[in-house]
Protein backbone atom coordinates (compact mmCIF):
# COMPACT_ATOMS: atom_id res chain seq x y z
CA MET A 1 11.92 -23.87 -7.27
CA PRO A 2 9.22 -21.03 -8.28
CA CYS A 3 6.22 -22.20 -11.05
CA ASP A 4 6.76 -19.56 -14.13
CA ARG A 5 3.32 -17.56 -13.85
CA ARG A 6 1.40 -15.31 -15.98
CA ILE A 7 1.29 -11.65 -14.08
CA ILE A 8 -0.81 -8.70 -14.44
CA VAL A 9 0.73 -5.28 -12.73
CA LEU A 10 -2.18 -2.65 -11.72
CA GLY A 11 -0.08 0.72 -11.34
CA SER A 12 3.02 -0.51 -13.05
CA THR A 13 4.39 2.88 -13.94
CA GLY A 14 4.41 4.19 -10.46
CA SER A 15 7.63 3.18 -7.74
CA ILE A 16 5.71 -0.50 -6.83
CA GLY A 17 5.09 -1.62 -10.66
CA VAL A 18 8.56 -0.38 -11.96
CA ASN A 19 10.54 -2.67 -9.06
CA THR A 20 8.08 -5.40 -10.31
CA LEU A 21 8.75 -5.40 -13.76
CA GLU A 22 12.52 -5.76 -12.47
CA VAL A 23 12.21 -8.05 -10.85
CA VAL A 24 10.30 -9.79 -13.30
CA THR A 25 13.31 -9.50 -15.72
CA HIS A 26 15.83 -10.43 -12.68
CA LEU A 27 14.11 -13.83 -12.29
CA GLY A 28 13.48 -14.08 -15.84
CA ALA A 29 17.34 -14.12 -15.94
CA LEU A 30 17.71 -16.58 -13.77
CA GLY A 31 14.81 -19.05 -15.95
CA HIS A 32 11.80 -18.26 -14.68
CA ALA A 33 9.72 -17.21 -17.46
CA HIS A 34 6.98 -14.81 -16.26
CA GLN A 35 4.75 -13.49 -18.57
CA ILE A 36 3.37 -10.02 -17.97
CA VAL A 37 -0.24 -10.41 -19.41
CA GLY A 38 -1.83 -7.24 -18.64
CA LEU A 39 -0.61 -3.77 -17.33
CA ALA A 40 -2.50 -0.34 -15.70
CA ALA A 41 -1.16 2.93 -16.04
CA GLY A 42 -2.75 6.45 -14.46
CA ALA A 43 -1.37 9.27 -17.09
CA ASN A 44 2.18 8.07 -17.59
CA VAL A 45 1.92 6.79 -21.06
CA GLY A 46 5.05 7.69 -22.20
CA ARG A 47 6.45 4.74 -19.37
CA LEU A 48 4.22 2.49 -20.08
CA ALA A 49 4.33 2.44 -23.68
CA GLU A 50 8.14 1.69 -23.42
CA GLN A 51 7.19 -1.52 -20.69
CA VAL A 52 4.88 -2.52 -23.60
CA MET A 53 7.72 -2.54 -25.56
CA GLN A 54 9.71 -4.75 -23.18
CA TYR A 55 6.91 -7.15 -21.88
CA LYS A 56 4.29 -7.14 -24.64
CA PRO A 57 1.17 -7.54 -22.76
CA GLU A 58 -2.21 -8.84 -24.18
CA LEU A 59 -3.91 -5.70 -22.91
CA VAL A 60 -3.48 -2.59 -21.34
CA ALA A 61 -5.35 -0.06 -19.16
CA ILE A 62 -5.27 3.75 -18.59
CA ALA A 63 -6.95 5.98 -16.28
CA ASP A 64 -6.49 9.59 -17.85
CA GLU A 65 -8.66 9.28 -20.47
CA SER A 66 -6.89 12.79 -22.08
CA ALA A 67 -3.00 10.92 -21.33
CA ALA A 68 -4.64 8.32 -23.46
CA ALA A 69 -5.50 9.71 -26.56
CA ASP A 70 -2.60 9.61 -28.17
CA TRP A 71 -1.81 5.69 -27.55
CA ASP A 72 -0.93 4.18 -30.35
CA SER A 73 1.72 1.33 -29.01
CA GLY A 74 0.07 -1.34 -30.84
CA VAL A 75 -1.57 -2.96 -27.74
CA PRO A 76 -5.02 -2.50 -27.28
CA ALA A 77 -5.56 -0.79 -24.31
CA LEU A 78 -9.06 0.28 -22.17
CA VAL A 79 -9.26 3.58 -20.92
CA GLY A 80 -11.02 5.32 -17.94
CA PRO A 81 -11.29 5.47 -14.29
CA ASP A 82 -12.66 1.28 -14.53
CA ALA A 83 -10.45 0.46 -17.21
CA SER A 84 -8.00 -1.58 -14.69
CA ALA A 85 -10.87 -3.64 -13.27
CA ALA A 86 -11.88 -4.31 -16.93
CA LEU A 87 -8.43 -5.56 -17.45
CA VAL A 88 -8.76 -7.81 -14.85
CA ASP A 89 -11.86 -8.79 -16.17
CA GLN A 90 -10.72 -10.00 -19.52
CA VAL A 91 -7.40 -11.18 -19.03
CA ALA A 92 -7.08 -12.63 -15.83
CA ARG A 93 -7.30 -16.76 -15.52
CA PRO A 94 -7.20 -19.02 -12.24
CA GLY A 95 -3.68 -19.16 -10.84
CA ASP A 96 -2.53 -15.71 -12.45
CA LEU A 97 -1.11 -13.17 -9.94
CA ILE A 98 -2.34 -9.81 -10.01
CA VAL A 99 0.30 -7.25 -8.55
CA ALA A 100 -2.01 -4.53 -6.98
CA ALA A 101 -0.13 -1.58 -6.42
CA ILE A 102 -2.66 1.46 -8.04
CA VAL A 103 -2.32 3.98 -5.22
CA GLY A 104 -5.23 4.94 -2.96
CA ALA A 105 -9.19 3.31 -3.31
CA ALA A 106 -9.11 3.20 -7.23
CA GLY A 107 -7.47 -0.31 -6.73
CA LEU A 108 -9.73 -1.54 -5.01
CA GLU A 109 -12.66 -2.94 -7.64
CA ALA A 110 -9.50 -4.53 -9.44
CA VAL A 111 -8.73 -6.42 -6.82
CA LEU A 112 -12.15 -7.65 -5.70
CA THR A 113 -12.65 -8.90 -9.78
CA GLY A 114 -9.32 -10.50 -9.23
CA ILE A 115 -10.05 -12.11 -6.59
CA GLU A 116 -13.44 -13.57 -7.93
CA ARG A 117 -11.55 -14.46 -11.23
CA GLY A 118 -9.48 -17.34 -8.99
CA CYS A 119 -6.29 -14.93 -9.00
CA ASP A 120 -3.74 -14.72 -6.68
CA ILE A 121 -2.98 -11.10 -5.17
CA ALA A 122 0.43 -9.62 -3.91
CA LEU A 123 -1.29 -6.27 -2.15
CA ALA A 124 0.96 -3.35 -2.75
CA ASN A 125 -2.15 -1.40 -2.04
CA LYS A 126 -2.96 -1.11 1.43
CA GLU A 127 -5.80 0.97 0.97
CA THR A 128 -8.00 -1.56 -0.83
CA LEU A 129 -7.80 -3.37 2.76
CA VAL A 130 -8.36 -0.36 4.95
CA ALA A 131 -11.31 0.81 2.91
CA ALA A 132 -13.03 -2.74 2.29
CA GLY A 133 -11.15 -5.22 4.68
CA GLU A 134 -14.62 -6.39 5.22
CA LEU A 135 -15.27 -6.99 1.71
CA VAL A 136 -11.55 -8.30 0.52
CA MET A 137 -10.86 -10.96 3.14
CA PRO A 138 -14.14 -13.23 2.79
CA ALA A 139 -14.00 -12.86 -1.17
CA VAL A 140 -10.22 -14.55 -0.55
CA GLN A 141 -11.42 -17.07 2.02
CA ARG A 142 -14.37 -17.68 -0.84
CA ALA A 143 -12.12 -17.89 -3.70
CA GLY A 144 -9.03 -19.80 -1.48
CA VAL A 145 -6.35 -17.77 -3.33
CA SER A 146 -3.66 -16.13 -1.57
CA LEU A 147 -3.21 -12.66 -0.15
CA LEU A 148 0.50 -12.03 -0.22
CA PRO A 149 1.80 -9.33 1.42
CA VAL A 150 4.35 -6.72 -0.52
CA ASP A 151 4.39 -3.41 2.10
CA SER A 152 7.88 -4.46 3.36
CA GLU A 153 6.72 -4.02 7.03
CA HIS A 154 3.93 -6.76 6.17
CA SER A 155 6.01 -8.73 4.41
CA ALA A 156 8.53 -8.80 7.32
CA ILE A 157 5.33 -10.02 9.75
CA PHE A 158 4.12 -12.47 6.93
CA GLN A 159 7.74 -13.98 7.23
CA CYS A 160 8.04 -14.48 10.54
CA LEU A 161 5.01 -15.82 11.04
CA GLN A 162 5.44 -19.27 8.73
CA GLY A 163 6.15 -21.16 11.21
CA ALA A 164 3.05 -20.01 13.23
CA GLY A 165 0.92 -21.80 10.99
CA ARG A 166 -2.83 -20.57 11.24
CA ASP A 167 -2.77 -20.51 15.38
CA ARG A 168 -2.92 -17.05 16.11
CA ASP A 169 -3.01 -17.37 19.80
CA GLN A 170 0.50 -17.82 19.94
CA ILE A 171 1.06 -14.26 18.80
CA LYS A 172 1.29 -11.46 21.87
CA ARG A 173 1.86 -8.77 19.50
CA ILE A 174 3.37 -7.67 15.95
CA VAL A 175 5.02 -4.41 15.96
CA LEU A 176 5.69 -2.44 12.35
CA THR A 177 8.54 -0.25 12.32
CA ALA A 178 8.73 3.44 10.90
CA SER A 179 11.23 5.42 9.72
CA GLY A 180 9.90 8.24 10.92
CA GLY A 181 9.61 10.24 7.89
CA ALA A 182 10.61 13.21 6.89
CA PHE A 183 10.14 15.29 9.86
CA ARG A 184 11.12 12.63 12.08
CA GLY A 185 12.03 14.22 15.82
CA ARG A 186 10.44 17.55 14.80
CA ARG A 187 7.94 19.27 17.13
CA ARG A 188 4.85 19.98 15.42
CA GLU A 189 4.95 23.51 15.92
CA GLU A 190 8.00 23.64 13.75
CA ILE A 191 6.48 21.57 10.40
CA ALA A 192 3.18 23.37 10.27
CA ASP A 193 4.50 25.77 7.45
CA ALA A 194 6.74 23.03 5.74
CA THR A 195 7.08 22.96 2.18
CA VAL A 196 6.07 20.13 -0.26
CA ASP A 197 9.26 19.35 -1.27
CA GLU A 198 10.37 18.78 2.23
CA ALA A 199 7.53 16.46 3.13
CA LEU A 200 8.90 14.98 -0.16
CA ALA A 201 12.66 14.89 1.16
CA HIS A 202 12.43 11.27 3.02
CA PRO A 203 15.57 9.30 4.18
CA THR A 204 15.83 6.51 3.71
CA TRP A 205 13.24 5.01 0.48
CA SER A 206 12.46 6.12 -2.03
CA MET A 207 8.44 6.44 -2.98
CA GLY A 208 5.35 8.14 -4.82
CA ARG A 209 4.45 11.28 -3.73
CA LYS A 210 1.55 10.13 -1.92
CA ILE A 211 2.86 7.46 0.31
CA THR A 212 5.93 9.74 0.88
CA VAL A 213 3.16 12.45 2.19
CA ASP A 214 1.53 9.88 4.37
CA SER A 215 5.29 8.72 5.86
CA ALA A 216 5.96 12.36 6.50
CA THR A 217 2.41 12.57 8.71
CA LEU A 218 2.63 9.45 9.71
CA ALA A 219 -0.67 8.44 8.02
CA ASN A 220 0.90 5.64 6.27
CA LYS A 221 1.69 3.54 9.29
CA ALA A 222 -1.81 4.07 10.45
CA LEU A 223 -3.02 2.66 6.98
CA GLU A 224 -0.80 -0.38 7.26
CA VAL A 225 -1.67 -0.77 11.46
CA ILE A 226 -5.37 -0.82 9.72
CA GLU A 227 -3.89 -3.26 6.83
CA ALA A 228 -2.00 -5.81 9.40
CA HIS A 229 -5.22 -6.04 11.43
CA TRP A 230 -6.94 -8.08 8.24
CA LEU A 231 -4.17 -9.40 7.20
CA PHE A 232 -3.54 -10.94 10.09
CA GLY A 233 -6.42 -11.24 12.26
CA LEU A 234 -5.32 -9.55 15.12
CA ASP A 235 -7.47 -6.75 17.27
CA ALA A 236 -5.91 -3.29 18.06
CA ASP A 237 -4.48 -4.01 20.95
CA ARG A 238 -2.01 -6.97 19.77
CA ILE A 239 -0.80 -4.46 17.30
CA ASP A 240 2.00 -1.57 17.93
CA ALA A 241 4.71 0.31 15.85
CA ILE A 242 7.72 1.87 16.64
CA VAL A 243 10.12 4.53 15.18
CA HIS A 244 13.50 3.08 13.64
CA PRO A 245 15.18 5.45 11.46
CA GLN A 246 17.89 3.19 9.79
CA SER A 247 14.67 0.93 8.36
CA ILE A 248 16.66 -2.04 8.80
CA MET A 249 14.33 -4.02 10.72
CA HIS A 250 10.89 -4.08 8.98
CA GLY A 251 8.77 -6.15 12.08
CA PHE A 252 9.07 -7.84 15.05
CA VAL A 253 6.47 -10.81 16.33
CA GLU A 254 6.13 -11.31 19.63
CA PHE A 255 4.96 -14.60 21.05
CA THR A 256 3.41 -15.18 23.89
CA ASP A 257 6.17 -17.27 25.29
CA GLY A 258 8.13 -14.26 25.23
CA SER A 259 10.13 -15.10 22.10
CA VAL A 260 10.47 -12.59 18.91
CA LEU A 261 10.97 -13.44 15.76
CA ALA A 262 12.18 -10.08 13.28
CA GLN A 263 13.17 -9.78 9.92
CA ALA A 264 15.39 -7.37 8.66
CA GLY A 265 16.50 -6.29 5.26
CA PRO A 266 18.10 -2.81 3.47
CA PRO A 267 15.43 -0.43 2.66
CA ASP A 268 14.64 -2.36 -1.26
CA MET A 269 11.05 -2.63 -2.34
CA ARG A 270 12.29 -5.53 -4.54
CA THR A 271 13.20 -7.75 -1.79
CA PRO A 272 9.39 -7.80 -0.47
CA ILE A 273 8.04 -7.84 -4.06
CA GLN A 274 10.43 -10.75 -5.40
CA TYR A 275 9.26 -12.75 -1.93
CA ALA A 276 5.50 -12.42 -3.23
CA LEU A 277 6.12 -13.00 -6.74
CA THR A 278 8.59 -16.48 -5.72
CA TYR A 279 6.44 -17.69 -2.34
CA PRO A 280 6.79 -20.16 -0.97
CA GLU A 281 10.33 -20.42 -2.77
CA ARG A 282 13.38 -18.03 -2.58
CA VAL A 283 16.06 -17.50 -4.94
CA GLU A 284 18.71 -15.27 -5.63
CA GLY A 285 17.87 -11.61 -5.40
CA CYS A 286 18.20 -8.46 -7.06
CA SER A 287 18.68 -6.53 -4.12
CA LYS A 288 21.43 -4.96 -2.47
CA ARG A 289 22.29 -7.01 0.39
CA LEU A 290 23.19 -5.70 4.05
CA ASP A 291 26.83 -5.48 4.68
CA TRP A 292 26.92 -6.32 8.12
CA THR A 293 30.78 -5.02 8.90
CA GLU A 294 29.21 -1.48 8.28
CA LEU A 295 26.48 -1.72 10.52
CA ARG A 296 26.82 -0.03 13.65
CA GLU A 297 23.77 1.15 14.97
CA LEU A 298 19.80 0.40 14.91
CA SER A 299 18.01 2.69 17.21
CA PHE A 300 14.25 2.92 17.97
CA ASP A 301 12.01 5.58 19.07
CA GLN A 302 8.64 5.71 20.65
CA ILE A 303 6.10 7.64 17.93
CA ASP A 304 5.34 10.95 19.02
CA CYS A 305 1.59 10.81 18.90
CA GLU A 306 1.16 14.94 19.93
CA ALA A 307 3.65 16.02 16.60
CA PHE A 308 1.57 13.33 14.29
CA PRO A 309 -1.51 12.58 15.61
CA ILE A 310 -2.80 10.98 12.33
CA ILE A 311 -1.05 7.82 14.02
CA THR A 312 -3.50 7.11 15.92
CA GLN A 313 -6.73 6.98 13.91
CA GLY A 314 -4.83 3.55 12.98
CA TRP A 315 -6.13 1.93 15.85
CA LYS A 316 -9.63 4.09 16.18
CA VAL A 317 -10.47 2.30 12.45
CA ILE A 318 -9.94 -1.07 13.58
CA ARG A 319 -12.04 -0.73 16.67
CA GLU A 320 -14.64 1.18 15.28
CA GLY A 321 -15.08 -1.15 12.54
CA GLY A 322 -17.78 -0.69 9.09
CA THR A 323 -17.03 2.40 6.79
CA ALA A 324 -14.65 3.76 9.22
CA GLY A 325 -11.35 2.84 7.10
CA ALA A 326 -13.07 4.08 3.96
CA ILE A 327 -13.59 7.65 5.55
CA PHE A 328 -10.39 7.63 6.57
CA ASN A 329 -8.78 6.78 3.54
CA ALA A 330 -10.40 8.74 1.37
CA ALA A 331 -10.00 12.14 3.92
CA ASN A 332 -6.45 11.11 3.57
CA GLU A 333 -6.47 10.47 0.24
CA ALA A 334 -8.34 14.25 -0.37
CA ALA A 335 -6.03 16.30 2.16
CA VAL A 336 -2.71 14.96 0.68
CA GLU A 337 -3.91 16.04 -3.14
CA ALA A 338 -4.64 19.16 -1.64
CA PHE A 339 -1.76 20.03 0.51
CA LEU A 340 0.21 18.84 -2.79
CA SER A 341 -1.29 21.20 -5.04
CA GLY A 342 -0.72 23.81 -2.87
CA SER A 343 -3.92 24.17 -1.47
CA ILE A 344 -3.26 23.62 2.71
CA ARG A 345 -0.58 24.03 4.70
CA PHE A 346 1.06 20.56 5.78
CA GLY A 347 0.12 21.46 9.49
CA GLU A 348 -3.60 21.65 8.29
CA LEU A 349 -3.42 18.14 6.53
CA SER A 350 -3.83 15.82 9.46
CA ASP A 351 -6.74 17.95 11.36
CA ILE A 352 -8.42 18.05 8.34
CA VAL A 353 -8.53 14.53 7.96
CA LEU A 354 -9.00 13.74 11.52
CA GLU A 355 -12.05 16.18 11.69
CA ALA A 356 -13.52 14.51 8.85
CA CYS A 357 -13.18 11.39 10.65
CA ALA A 358 -15.18 12.64 13.70
CA SER A 359 -17.87 14.24 11.58
CA LEU A 360 -18.51 11.39 9.96
CA PRO A 361 -20.60 8.67 11.57
CA ALA A 362 -19.38 5.07 10.30
CA THR A 363 -22.00 2.28 8.88
CA THR A 364 -21.95 -1.19 8.26
CA VAL A 365 -20.26 -2.41 5.15
CA GLN A 366 -22.49 -5.46 3.12
CA GLY A 367 -21.26 -4.26 -0.07
CA LEU A 368 -18.95 -2.51 -2.48
CA GLU A 369 -21.94 0.68 -2.65
CA ASP A 370 -21.50 1.05 1.13
CA VAL A 371 -17.59 1.63 0.64
CA ARG A 372 -18.12 4.00 -2.77
CA SER A 373 -20.52 5.83 -0.68
CA ALA A 374 -18.71 6.23 2.48
CA ASP A 375 -15.54 7.03 0.00
CA GLU A 376 -16.99 9.68 -1.79
CA ALA A 377 -18.66 11.58 1.25
CA ALA A 378 -15.41 11.78 2.79
CA ARG A 379 -13.86 13.51 0.07
CA GLN A 380 -16.92 15.63 -0.09
CA TRP A 381 -16.31 16.80 3.14
CA VAL A 382 -12.99 17.71 3.02
CA GLN A 383 -13.29 20.10 -0.38
CA SER A 384 -16.03 21.70 1.63
CA ARG A 385 -13.57 22.07 4.86
CA ILE A 386 -10.90 23.46 2.37
CA ALA A 387 -13.62 26.02 0.52
CA ALA A 388 -14.83 26.99 3.30
CA THR A 389 -11.22 27.66 4.99
CA ALA A 390 -10.12 29.49 1.76
CA GLY A 391 -13.18 31.71 1.55
CA ALA A 392 -13.03 33.02 5.11
């Protein structure tokens, strides 16, 4: 039986955070009284207040200072861009579980703080490893904590590797699957002027705006390739990706003897979330089940790198190392924000990110400040590039 745990949810009002709390409620109904001791949100204080009423945490964090101005739920709130890290610093105890679901690089410091406090990390924030895997993975090893993947693809690989232990020499390669996003099968010129609503119309997954746009460009898969490198200790040549529009098969592991293990399940994030919360045990799930009587087709296609060129940056970042991941992640975040605000066309998004990566040389990562500097430089480069284009 899984042990009952104290849990801190970073990004509690987003898609992963909401699903996590649903899983906690489900597990509670089964007799597993996980205690929510901390919640961190961005600006959605209305939803956060509802969560506080139901789960009664000790403390909350609100990143947006203006949104926090009228906070009066009765639970103290830490406020500001560093509030999540401060929340972890004040609340976390050794053995707690932190669900890291803050979008983008904003959750990095909180994750590192949690690791230093001896907390296990259920990682839904892939940007943490993309930007700072060289800091996070050694910290995990020093602290002796568990880093449990929540992304459906990485959870799939993690589950398939349970029997392989630590012997990565047995692995020929891993394959992450991609839905193909909103524009699967479309040529690049066909989607150059795609609208925000069109990019957000994901065919199989219900996710936040940023990750849905990343799925439309396939930047999300590039980020996942980099995350897989850090999670599983594999070089770029042993990580692959393939389009699987049904989103039923989430990942494959091919072993040196030719055997292939795969993990399957419906596109429901509550399944990998629950596995991270109950690992290494499994209990009755709250997710919908596969109906094998209705399953008619599983199809796979190669990724069109001409139509979605940003995918290739995933393997480039692994090979380049250093601050390459922080540059890529920050440039992509800035470009996606610009697209969502109407400042650039969809067809410009990937080009701007790739130009930023080519223009900013990667340097070594010796500490968090190196990551922050690379992040800031990439964001400034993208903003300057967009401003120059707009003024031309």
